């Protein structure tokens, strides 16, 4: 891995800023000052910035996948169906962060970083998750206000959701919903409760991670900004 990329992946700075840090002679690799940002390093090398050893985070892999319909996201599947982990080409063992129903599409994160997985899935961290729901009929203001104020489902009280109508059609509506919980089938149950069942559901973001223009079945590694977001989440939640 290029030294410049290593520093960026380690959360030191952006790639451009990392290049400046290297050029100033502030970086050592195995006790030698390196000023070439393209210098190749691996996990066995000791990298220092201003005398501080930088933990090698290149052992972690982070992917965003646009999960298609028909693909499962559980750790194990007794029916031997295609799993989200089957789509990612990597030699390392990675796991989905949370899950999406088999008929739900959209953003799912896969990683081998257990700390990030815990932060993104534990309710106490309150990470926002945004979905686009296509529902039957046209929910009125009273129904939408129930979603916004919270409701009782399966014996628990949901927190208020952020709800925005994107488009009303004659037979259905497209609605953006944001929650910071992650109970099983929560979005679908919320709309069932107001008698507007979900016809299609797609997750478009988790926190600052967005699906962007990824097509169903496509995936990509985290970009620099997303890696910085990972490090920020870890810092503020330790």
C-alpha atoms as a PDB file:
ATOM      1  CA  UNK A   1       0.000   0.000   0.000  1.00  0.00           C
ATOM      2  CA  UNK A   2       1.258   3.493  -0.825  1.00  0.00           C
ATOM      3  CA  UNK A   3       2.391   5.445   2.236  1.00  0.00           C
ATOM      4  CA  UNK A   4       0.033   8.294   1.383  1.00  0.00           C
ATOM      5  CA  UNK A   5      -2.922   5.898   1.246  1.00  0.00           C
ATOM      6  CA  UNK A   6      -1.802   4.182   4.444  1.00  0.00           C
ATOM      7  CA  UNK A   7      -1.927   7.457   6.374  1.00  0.00           C
ATOM      8  CA  UNK A   8      -5.347   8.296   4.959  1.00  0.00           C
ATOM      9  CA  UNK A   9      -6.703   4.846   5.839  1.00  0.00           C
ATOM     10  CA  UNK A  10      -5.310   5.224   9.339  1.00  0.00           C
ATOM     11  CA  UNK A  11      -7.337   8.393   9.857  1.00  0.00           C
ATOM     12  CA  UNK A  12      -4.336  10.725  10.023  1.00  0.00           C
ATOM     13  CA  UNK A  13      -5.491  13.057   7.268  1.00  0.00           C
ATOM     14  CA  UNK A  14      -6.882  13.152   3.743  1.00  0.00           C
ATOM     15  CA  UNK A  15      -4.618  11.839   0.983  1.00  0.00           C
ATOM     16  CA  UNK A  16      -3.705  15.361  -0.092  1.00  0.00           C
ATOM     17  CA  UNK A  17      -2.868  16.429   3.466  1.00  0.00           C
ATOM     18  CA  UNK A  18      -0.992  13.165   4.034  1.00  0.00           C
ATOM     19  CA  UNK A  19       1.187  13.961   1.017  1.00  0.00           C
ATOM     20  CA  UNK A  20       2.073  17.312   2.591  1.00  0.00           C
ATOM     21  CA  UNK A  21       2.917  15.651   5.913  1.00  0.00           C
ATOM     22  CA  UNK A  22       5.205  13.194   4.128  1.00  0.00           C
ATOM     23  CA  UNK A  23       6.923  15.942   2.096  1.00  0.00           C
ATOM     24  CA  UNK A  24       7.721  17.823   5.311  1.00  0.00           C
ATOM     25  CA  UNK A  25       9.748  14.853   6.563  1.00  0.00           C
ATOM     26  CA  UNK A  26       7.393  14.147   9.443  1.00  0.00           C
ATOM     27  CA  UNK A  27       6.959  10.471   8.578  1.00  0.00           C
ATOM     28  CA  UNK A  28       9.286   7.575   9.357  1.00  0.00           C
ATOM     29  CA  UNK A  29       9.027   4.001   8.142  1.00  0.00           C
ATOM     30  CA  UNK A  30      11.091   1.523  10.142  1.00  0.00           C
ATOM     31  CA  UNK A  31      13.003   4.453  11.711  1.00  0.00           C
ATOM     32  CA  UNK A  32      13.895   6.050   8.353  1.00  0.00           C
ATOM     33  CA  UNK A  33      12.428   9.363   7.175  1.00  0.00           C
ATOM     34  CA  UNK A  34      10.413   8.861   3.985  1.00  0.00           C
ATOM     35  CA  UNK A  35       9.438  11.788   1.745  1.00  0.00           C
ATOM     36  CA  UNK A  36       8.009   9.775  -1.154  1.00  0.00           C
ATOM     37  CA  UNK A  37       4.195   9.451  -0.840  1.00  0.00           C
ATOM     38  CA  UNK A  38       4.286   6.460  -3.207  1.00  0.00           C
ATOM     39  CA  UNK A  39       6.647   4.520  -0.917  1.00  0.00           C
ATOM     40  CA  UNK A  40       5.224   1.023  -0.441  1.00  0.00           C
ATOM     41  CA  UNK A  41       4.393  -0.150   3.085  1.00  0.00           C
ATOM     42  CA  UNK A  42       2.681  -3.225   4.484  1.00  0.00           C
ATOM     43  CA  UNK A  43       1.339  -4.309   7.848  1.00  0.00           C
ATOM     44  CA  UNK A  44       4.773  -5.453   9.045  1.00  0.00           C
ATOM     45  CA  UNK A  45       6.254  -1.958   8.753  1.00  0.00           C
ATOM     46  CA  UNK A  46       6.449   0.488  11.662  1.00  0.00           C
ATOM     47  CA  UNK A  47       5.106   3.858  10.547  1.00  0.00           C
ATOM     48  CA  UNK A  48       5.516   6.983  12.683  1.00  0.00           C
ATOM     49  CA  UNK A  49       4.184  10.516  12.315  1.00  0.00           C
ATOM     50  CA  UNK A  50       5.919  13.109  14.482  1.00  0.00           C
ATOM     51  CA  UNK A  51       7.363  10.278  16.555  1.00  0.00           C
ATOM     52  CA  UNK A  52       4.015   8.597  17.209  1.00  0.00           C
ATOM     53  CA  UNK A  53       3.550   5.045  15.940  1.00  0.00           C
ATOM     54  CA  UNK A  54       0.495   4.776  13.714  1.00  0.00           C
ATOM     55  CA  UNK A  55      -1.679   1.742  14.215  1.00  0.00           C
ATOM     56  CA  UNK A  56      -1.990  -0.151  10.965  1.00  0.00           C
ATOM     57  CA  UNK A  57      -5.663  -0.207  10.108  1.00  0.00           C
ATOM     58  CA  UNK A  58      -5.128  -1.721   6.679  1.00  0.00           C
ATOM     59  CA  UNK A  59      -6.094  -5.050   8.253  1.00  0.00           C
ATOM     60  CA  UNK A  60      -9.668  -3.793   8.131  1.00  0.00           C
ATOM     61  CA  UNK A  61     -11.790  -3.848   5.009  1.00  0.00           C
ATOM     62  CA  UNK A  62     -14.892  -1.715   4.481  1.00  0.00           C
ATOM     63  CA  UNK A  63     -17.410  -2.110   1.679  1.00  0.00           C
ATOM     64  CA  UNK A  64     -20.734  -0.568   0.711  1.00  0.00           C
ATOM     65  CA  UNK A  65     -22.999  -2.931  -1.228  1.00  0.00           C
ATOM     66  CA  UNK A  66     -26.306  -2.197  -2.914  1.00  0.00           C
ATOM     67  CA  UNK A  67     -28.057  -5.391  -1.871  1.00  0.00           C
ATOM     68  CA  UNK A  68     -30.387  -6.733  -4.550  1.00  0.00           C
ATOM     69  CA  UNK A  69     -33.669  -8.555  -3.949  1.00  0.00           C
ATOM     70  CA  UNK A  70     -33.261 -12.272  -3.268  1.00  0.00           C
ATOM     71  CA  UNK A  71     -29.914 -12.006  -1.478  1.00  0.00           C
ATOM     72  CA  UNK A  72     -29.781 -12.731   2.251  1.00  0.00           C
ATOM     73  CA  UNK A  73     -27.694 -10.810   4.763  1.00  0.00           C
ATOM     74  CA  UNK A  74     -27.629 -13.193   7.721  1.00  0.00           C
ATOM     75  CA  UNK A  75     -24.392 -14.774   8.909  1.00  0.00           C
ATOM     76  CA  UNK A  76     -25.745 -18.235   8.063  1.00  0.00           C
ATOM     77  CA  UNK A  77     -28.599 -19.398   5.862  1.00  0.00           C
ATOM     78  CA  UNK A  78     -30.016 -22.917   6.160  1.00  0.00           C
ATOM     79  CA  UNK A  79     -31.480 -22.718   2.641  1.00  0.00           C
ATOM     80  CA  UNK A  80     -28.038 -22.013   1.153  1.00  0.00           C
ATOM     81  CA  UNK A  81     -29.227 -18.904  -0.690  1.00  0.00           C
ATOM     82  CA  UNK A  82     -26.857 -16.278  -2.082  1.00  0.00           C
ATOM     83  CA  UNK A  83     -25.436 -14.201   0.768  1.00  0.00           C
ATOM     84  CA  UNK A  84     -24.145 -10.641   0.656  1.00  0.00           C
ATOM     85  CA  UNK A  85     -20.720 -11.990   1.619  1.00  0.00           C
ATOM     86  CA  UNK A  86     -20.699 -14.093  -1.562  1.00  0.00           C
ATOM     87  CA  UNK A  87     -20.767 -10.937  -3.684  1.00  0.00           C
ATOM     88  CA  UNK A  88     -17.672  -9.260  -2.211  1.00  0.00           C
ATOM     89  CA  UNK A  89     -14.391 -10.480  -3.682  1.00  0.00           C
ATOM     90  CA  UNK A  90     -11.917 -10.682  -0.817  1.00  0.00           C
ATOM     91  CA  UNK A  91      -9.659 -13.281   0.768  1.00  0.00           C
ATOM     92  CA  UNK A  92     -10.560 -12.095   4.266  1.00  0.00           C
ATOM     93  CA  UNK A  93     -13.629 -13.059   6.249  1.00  0.00           C
ATOM     94  CA  UNK A  94     -16.037 -10.143   6.387  1.00  0.00           C
ATOM     95  CA  UNK A  95     -19.492  -9.772   7.883  1.00  0.00           C
ATOM     96  CA  UNK A  96     -22.582  -7.668   7.171  1.00  0.00           C
ATOM     97  CA  UNK A  97     -23.218  -4.818   9.595  1.00  0.00           C
ATOM     98  CA  UNK A  98     -26.799  -5.489  10.622  1.00  0.00           C
ATOM     99  CA  UNK A  99     -29.188  -7.041   8.145  1.00  0.00           C
ATOM    100  CA  UNK A 100     -31.762  -6.324   5.466  1.00  0.00           C
ATOM    101  CA  UNK A 101     -34.752  -8.546   4.680  1.00  0.00           C
ATOM    102  CA  UNK A 102     -34.405 -10.700   1.579  1.00  0.00           C
ATOM    103  CA  UNK A 103     -36.902  -8.486  -0.278  1.00  0.00           C
ATOM    104  CA  UNK A 104     -35.333  -5.212   0.914  1.00  0.00           C
ATOM    105  CA  UNK A 105     -32.687  -3.572  -1.256  1.00  0.00           C
ATOM    106  CA  UNK A 106     -30.067  -0.934  -0.723  1.00  0.00           C
ATOM    107  CA  UNK A 107     -27.103  -0.032   1.395  1.00  0.00           C
ATOM    108  CA  UNK A 108     -25.459  -2.620   3.569  1.00  0.00           C
ATOM    109  CA  UNK A 109     -21.962  -2.319   5.017  1.00  0.00           C
ATOM    110  CA  UNK A 110     -19.615  -5.296   5.109  1.00  0.00           C
ATOM    111  CA  UNK A 111     -16.425  -5.274   7.147  1.00  0.00           C
ATOM    112  CA  UNK A 112     -14.118  -7.208   9.444  1.00  0.00           C
ATOM    113  CA  UNK A 113     -13.989  -4.281  11.885  1.00  0.00           C
ATOM    114  CA  UNK A 114     -15.873  -5.457  14.960  1.00  0.00           C
ATOM    115  CA  UNK A 115     -15.685  -2.085  16.695  1.00  0.00           C
ATOM    116  CA  UNK A 116     -17.441  -0.335  13.815  1.00  0.00           C
ATOM    117  CA  UNK A 117     -20.033  -3.110  13.621  1.00  0.00           C
ATOM    118  CA  UNK A 118     -20.883  -2.645  17.298  1.00  0.00           C
ATOM    119  CA  UNK A 119     -21.203   1.136  16.967  1.00  0.00           C
ATOM    120  CA  UNK A 120     -23.439   0.916  13.923  1.00  0.00           C
ATOM    121  CA  UNK A 121     -25.744  -1.782  15.283  1.00  0.00           C
ATOM    122  CA  UNK A 122     -26.060  -1.071  19.019  1.00  0.00           C
ATOM    123  CA  UNK A 123     -29.139   1.067  19.771  1.00  0.00           C
ATOM    124  CA  UNK A 124     -27.311   3.274  22.280  1.00  0.00           C
ATOM    125  CA  UNK A 125     -25.249   4.896  19.501  1.00  0.00           C
ATOM    126  CA  UNK A 126     -28.385   6.095  17.671  1.00  0.00           C
ATOM    127  CA  UNK A 127     -26.990   5.951  14.125  1.00  0.00           C
ATOM    128  CA  UNK A 128     -29.551   7.270  11.629  1.00  0.00           C
ATOM    129  CA  UNK A 129     -30.713   4.923   8.878  1.00  0.00           C
ATOM    130  CA  UNK A 130     -32.690   6.335   5.948  1.00  0.00           C
ATOM    131  CA  UNK A 131     -35.020   4.333   3.720  1.00  0.00           C
ATOM    132  CA  UNK A 132     -37.181   4.926   0.677  1.00  0.00           C
ATOM    133  CA  UNK A 133     -40.492   3.118   1.198  1.00  0.00           C
ATOM    134  CA  UNK A 134     -43.046   2.563  -1.535  1.00  0.00           C
ATOM    135  CA  UNK A 135     -46.350   1.998   0.271  1.00  0.00           C
ATOM    136  CA  UNK A 136     -49.888   1.232  -0.804  1.00  0.00           C
ATOM    137  CA  UNK A 137     -52.331   4.123  -0.862  1.00  0.00           C
ATOM    138  CA  UNK A 138     -51.710   7.697   0.202  1.00  0.00           C
ATOM    139  CA  UNK A 139     -51.095   8.131   3.952  1.00  0.00           C
ATOM    140  CA  UNK A 140     -52.756  11.241   5.363  1.00  0.00           C
ATOM    141  CA  UNK A 141     -51.192  13.702   7.807  1.00  0.00           C
ATOM    142  CA  UNK A 142     -52.685  11.940  10.833  1.00  0.00           C
ATOM    143  CA  UNK A 143     -51.105   8.641   9.817  1.00  0.00           C
ATOM    144  CA  UNK A 144     -47.727  10.220   9.109  1.00  0.00           C
ATOM    145  CA  UNK A 145     -47.832  12.032  12.452  1.00  0.00           C
ATOM    146  CA  UNK A 146     -48.185   8.648  14.155  1.00  0.00           C
ATOM    147  CA  UNK A 147     -44.901   7.618  12.557  1.00  0.00           C
ATOM    148  CA  UNK A 148     -43.310  10.877  13.667  1.00  0.00           C
ATOM    149  CA  UNK A 149     -44.498  10.627  17.264  1.00  0.00           C
ATOM    150  CA  UNK A 150     -43.805   6.927  17.773  1.00  0.00           C
ATOM    151  CA  UNK A 151     -46.123   3.944  18.157  1.00  0.00           C
ATOM    152  CA  UNK A 152     -46.370   0.645  19.983  1.00  0.00           C
ATOM    153  CA  UNK A 153     -45.388  -2.391  17.899  1.00  0.00           C
ATOM    154  CA  UNK A 154     -45.015  -5.928  19.268  1.00  0.00           C
ATOM    155  CA  UNK A 155     -45.020  -4.573  22.804  1.00  0.00           C
ATOM    156  CA  UNK A 156     -42.358  -1.893  22.385  1.00  0.00           C
ATOM    157  CA  UNK A 157     -42.639   1.819  21.760  1.00  0.00           C
ATOM    158  CA  UNK A 158     -40.822   3.098  18.706  1.00  0.00           C
ATOM    159  CA  UNK A 159     -39.022   6.409  18.737  1.00  0.00           C
ATOM    160  CA  UNK A 160     -40.314   9.128  16.458  1.00  0.00           C
ATOM    161  CA  UNK A 161     -39.266   8.794  12.829  1.00  0.00           C
ATOM    162  CA  UNK A 162     -38.410  11.532  10.372  1.00  0.00           C
ATOM    163  CA  UNK A 163     -40.900  11.224   7.526  1.00  0.00           C
ATOM    164  CA  UNK A 164     -41.031  13.038   4.195  1.00  0.00           C
ATOM    165  CA  UNK A 165     -43.358  12.364   1.270  1.00  0.00           C
ATOM    166  CA  UNK A 166     -41.386  12.227  -1.965  1.00  0.00           C
ATOM    167  CA  UNK A 167     -44.275  11.539  -4.334  1.00  0.00           C
ATOM    168  CA  UNK A 168     -47.950  10.617  -4.131  1.00  0.00           C
ATOM    169  CA  UNK A 169     -49.443   8.518  -6.908  1.00  0.00           C
ATOM    170  CA  UNK A 170     -53.010   7.351  -7.421  1.00  0.00           C
ATOM    171  CA  UNK A 171     -52.440   3.894  -5.927  1.00  0.00           C
ATOM    172  CA  UNK A 172     -49.247   4.277  -3.911  1.00  0.00           C
ATOM    173  CA  UNK A 173     -46.815   6.718  -2.318  1.00  0.00           C
ATOM    174  CA  UNK A 174     -43.035   7.029  -2.107  1.00  0.00           C
ATOM    175  CA  UNK A 175     -41.871   8.137   1.333  1.00  0.00           C
ATOM    176  CA  UNK A 176     -38.454   8.818   2.874  1.00  0.00           C
ATOM    177  CA  UNK A 177     -38.151   7.533   6.440  1.00  0.00           C
ATOM    178  CA  UNK A 178     -35.259   7.975   8.873  1.00  0.00           C
ATOM    179  CA  UNK A 179     -34.962   6.067  12.155  1.00  0.00           C
ATOM    180  CA  UNK A 180     -32.114   5.559  14.615  1.00  0.00           C
ATOM    181  CA  UNK A 181     -33.344   2.161  15.767  1.00  0.00           C
ATOM    182  CA  UNK A 182     -32.989  -1.159  14.008  1.00  0.00           C
ATOM    183  CA  UNK A 183     -35.595  -3.581  15.268  1.00  0.00           C
ATOM    184  CA  UNK A 184     -36.605  -6.495  13.056  1.00  0.00           C
ATOM    185  CA  UNK A 185     -38.792  -5.343  10.136  1.00  0.00           C
ATOM    186  CA  UNK A 186     -39.472  -2.076  11.962  1.00  0.00           C
ATOM    187  CA  UNK A 187     -40.225   0.091   8.920  1.00  0.00           C
ATOM    188  CA  UNK A 188     -42.600  -2.488   7.471  1.00  0.00           C
ATOM    189  CA  UNK A 189     -44.401  -2.940  10.783  1.00  0.00           C
ATOM    190  CA  UNK A 190     -44.772   0.822  11.220  1.00  0.00           C
ATOM    191  CA  UNK A 191     -46.529   1.172   7.883  1.00  0.00           C
ATOM    192  CA  UNK A 192     -48.643  -1.914   8.525  1.00  0.00           C
ATOM    193  CA  UNK A 193     -49.777  -0.250  11.747  1.00  0.00           C
ATOM    194  CA  UNK A 194     -51.165   2.723   9.796  1.00  0.00           C
ATOM    195  CA  UNK A 195     -52.718   0.408   7.172  1.00  0.00           C
ATOM    196  CA  UNK A 196     -50.363   1.323   4.336  1.00  0.00           C
ATOM    197  CA  UNK A 197     -48.268  -1.825   3.760  1.00  0.00           C
ATOM    198  CA  UNK A 198     -44.831  -1.538   2.200  1.00  0.00           C
ATOM    199  CA  UNK A 199     -44.576  -2.691  -1.408  1.00  0.00           C
ATOM    200  CA  UNK A 200     -40.842  -1.994  -1.769  1.00  0.00           C
ATOM    201  CA  UNK A 201     -38.137  -0.840   0.626  1.00  0.00           C
ATOM    202  CA  UNK A 202     -34.638   0.459  -0.073  1.00  0.00           C
ATOM    203  CA  UNK A 203     -32.055   1.720   2.428  1.00  0.00           C
ATOM    204  CA  UNK A 204     -30.125   4.684   1.057  1.00  0.00           C
ATOM    205  CA  UNK A 205     -27.909   5.754   3.963  1.00  0.00           C
ATOM    206  CA  UNK A 206     -26.489   4.850   7.357  1.00  0.00           C
ATOM    207  CA  UNK A 207     -25.134   7.850   9.208  1.00  0.00           C
ATOM    208  CA  UNK A 208     -22.854   9.654   6.742  1.00  0.00           C
ATOM    209  CA  UNK A 209     -22.545   6.600   4.487  1.00  0.00           C
ATOM    210  CA  UNK A 210     -24.625   6.877   1.313  1.00  0.00           C
ATOM    211  CA  UNK A 211     -25.422   4.429  -1.453  1.00  0.00           C
ATOM    212  CA  UNK A 212     -25.032   7.038  -4.188  1.00  0.00           C
ATOM    213  CA  UNK A 213     -25.224   5.683  -7.723  1.00  0.00           C
ATOM    214  CA  UNK A 214     -24.383   2.049  -6.967  1.00  0.00           C
ATOM    215  CA  UNK A 215     -26.517  -0.331  -9.002  1.00  0.00           C
ATOM    216  CA  UNK A 216     -28.102  -3.420  -7.376  1.00  0.00           C
ATOM    217  CA  UNK A 217     -25.404  -6.030  -6.843  1.00  0.00           C
ATOM    218  CA  UNK A 218     -22.544  -3.536  -7.168  1.00  0.00           C
ATOM    219  CA  UNK A 219     -20.205  -2.626  -4.327  1.00  0.00           C
ATOM    220  CA  UNK A 220     -17.222  -0.430  -3.603  1.00  0.00           C
ATOM    221  CA  UNK A 221     -14.640   0.166  -0.895  1.00  0.00           C
ATOM    222  CA  UNK A 222     -15.032   3.126   1.451  1.00  0.00           C
ATOM    223  CA  UNK A 223     -13.604   6.357   0.087  1.00  0.00           C
ATOM    224  CA  UNK A 224     -11.371   8.706   2.073  1.00  0.00           C
ATOM    225  CA  UNK A 225     -14.226  10.697   3.583  1.00  0.00           C
ATOM    226  CA  UNK A 226     -15.966   7.510   4.698  1.00  0.00           C
ATOM    227  CA  UNK A 227     -12.794   6.181   6.300  1.00  0.00           C
ATOM    228  CA  UNK A 228     -12.492   9.468   8.170  1.00  0.00           C
ATOM    229  CA  UNK A 229     -16.097   9.014   9.299  1.00  0.00           C
ATOM    230  CA  UNK A 230     -15.244   5.555  10.655  1.00  0.00           C
ATOM    231  CA  UNK A 231     -12.430   7.018  12.720  1.00  0.00           C
ATOM    232  CA  UNK A 232     -14.671   9.826  13.972  1.00  0.00           C
ATOM    233  CA  UNK A 233     -17.315   7.333  15.093  1.00  0.00           C
ATOM    234  CA  UNK A 234     -14.700   5.373  16.998  1.00  0.00           C
ATOM    235  CA  UNK A 235     -13.215   8.441  18.678  1.00  0.00           C
ATOM    236  CA  UNK A 236     -16.496   9.905  19.916  1.00  0.00           C
ATOM    237  CA  UNK A 237     -17.888   6.578  21.099  1.00  0.00           C
ATOM    238  CA  UNK A 238     -14.958   5.278  23.114  1.00  0.00           C
END
